[in-house]
Amino acid sequence: MNRIKEVLDEKGIKQTWLAEQLGKSYNMVNAYVQNRQQPRIEVLFEIAEILGVNVKELLIDNDIKKNKK
């Protein structure tokens, strides 16, 4: 699970812009944002760099995820 959607919302960035920056299709980025598909670790680091955040900010802590169930 990732927090890409939350970080995009916090920064006011659109998925289409992120797709352009990554050189990926909107559909692929949307799959990442909706957690239907997880990006490869290299892509996750690239997303973090583009968004100007630490890669850890894009990940959901397993302990937090367990407590929400």
Protein backbone atom coordinates (compact mmCIF):
# COMPACT_ATOMS: atom_id res chain seq x y z
CA MET A 1 0.00 0.00 0.00
CA ASN A 2 1.19 3.50 -0.74
CA ARG A 3 0.28 7.10 0.06
CA ILE A 4 0.87 8.57 -3.39
CA LYS A 5 -2.70 9.89 -3.59
CA GLU A 6 -2.44 11.63 -0.21
CA VAL A 7 0.90 13.25 -1.08
CA LEU A 8 -0.44 14.44 -4.45
CA ASP A 9 -3.48 15.94 -2.70
CA GLU A 10 -1.32 17.60 -0.02
CA LYS A 11 0.84 19.23 -2.71
CA GLY A 12 -2.04 20.06 -5.07
CA ILE A 13 -0.47 18.02 -7.88
CA LYS A 14 -2.51 16.26 -10.57
CA GLN A 15 -1.96 12.66 -11.64
CA THR A 16 -1.59 13.78 -15.25
CA TRP A 17 1.39 15.98 -14.30
CA LEU A 18 3.02 13.14 -12.40
CA ALA A 19 2.46 10.80 -15.34
CA GLU A 20 4.20 13.27 -17.66
CA GLN A 21 7.15 13.67 -15.27
CA LEU A 22 7.53 9.88 -14.96
CA GLY A 23 7.08 9.24 -18.67
CA LYS A 24 4.27 6.82 -17.86
CA SER A 25 0.67 6.67 -18.96
CA TYR A 26 -2.07 8.27 -16.90
CA ASN A 27 -3.63 4.81 -16.49
CA MET A 28 -0.44 3.43 -14.93
CA VAL A 29 -0.11 6.34 -12.51
CA ASN A 30 -3.80 6.06 -11.66
CA ALA A 31 -3.28 2.37 -10.84
CA TYR A 32 -0.49 3.39 -8.44
CA VAL A 33 -2.62 6.12 -6.87
CA GLN A 34 -5.61 3.80 -6.42
CA ASN A 35 -3.36 1.04 -5.00
CA ARG A 36 -4.47 -1.38 -7.73
CA GLN A 37 -0.82 -1.81 -8.66
CA GLN A 38 2.36 -0.99 -6.74
CA PRO A 39 5.26 0.75 -8.47
CA ARG A 40 8.65 -0.95 -8.64
CA ILE A 41 11.00 0.33 -5.95
CA GLU A 42 12.98 2.32 -8.54
CA VAL A 43 9.80 4.05 -9.68
CA LEU A 44 8.78 4.74 -6.09
CA PHE A 45 12.11 6.49 -5.50
CA GLU A 46 11.63 8.46 -8.73
CA ILE A 47 8.13 9.54 -7.62
CA ALA A 48 9.53 10.65 -4.25
CA GLU A 49 12.23 12.70 -5.97
CA ILE A 50 9.73 14.33 -8.35
CA LEU A 51 7.39 15.17 -5.45
CA GLY A 52 10.24 16.38 -3.26
CA VAL A 53 9.52 13.99 -0.39
CA ASN A 54 11.32 11.19 1.39
CA VAL A 55 10.35 7.83 -0.06
CA LYS A 56 9.13 6.80 3.41
CA GLU A 57 6.37 9.41 3.10
CA LEU A 58 4.94 7.44 0.17
CA LEU A 59 4.60 4.23 2.18
CA ILE A 60 2.00 3.18 4.72
CA ASP A 61 3.47 1.87 7.97
CA ASN A 62 2.44 -1.77 8.52
CA ASP A 63 1.65 -1.08 12.20
CA ILE A 64 -0.73 1.72 11.27
CA LYS A 65 -2.36 -0.45 8.60
CA LYS A 66 -2.91 -3.27 11.12
CA ASN A 67 -4.50 -0.91 13.65
CA LYS A 68 -7.04 0.31 11.08
CA LYS A 69 -8.45 -3.18 10.55
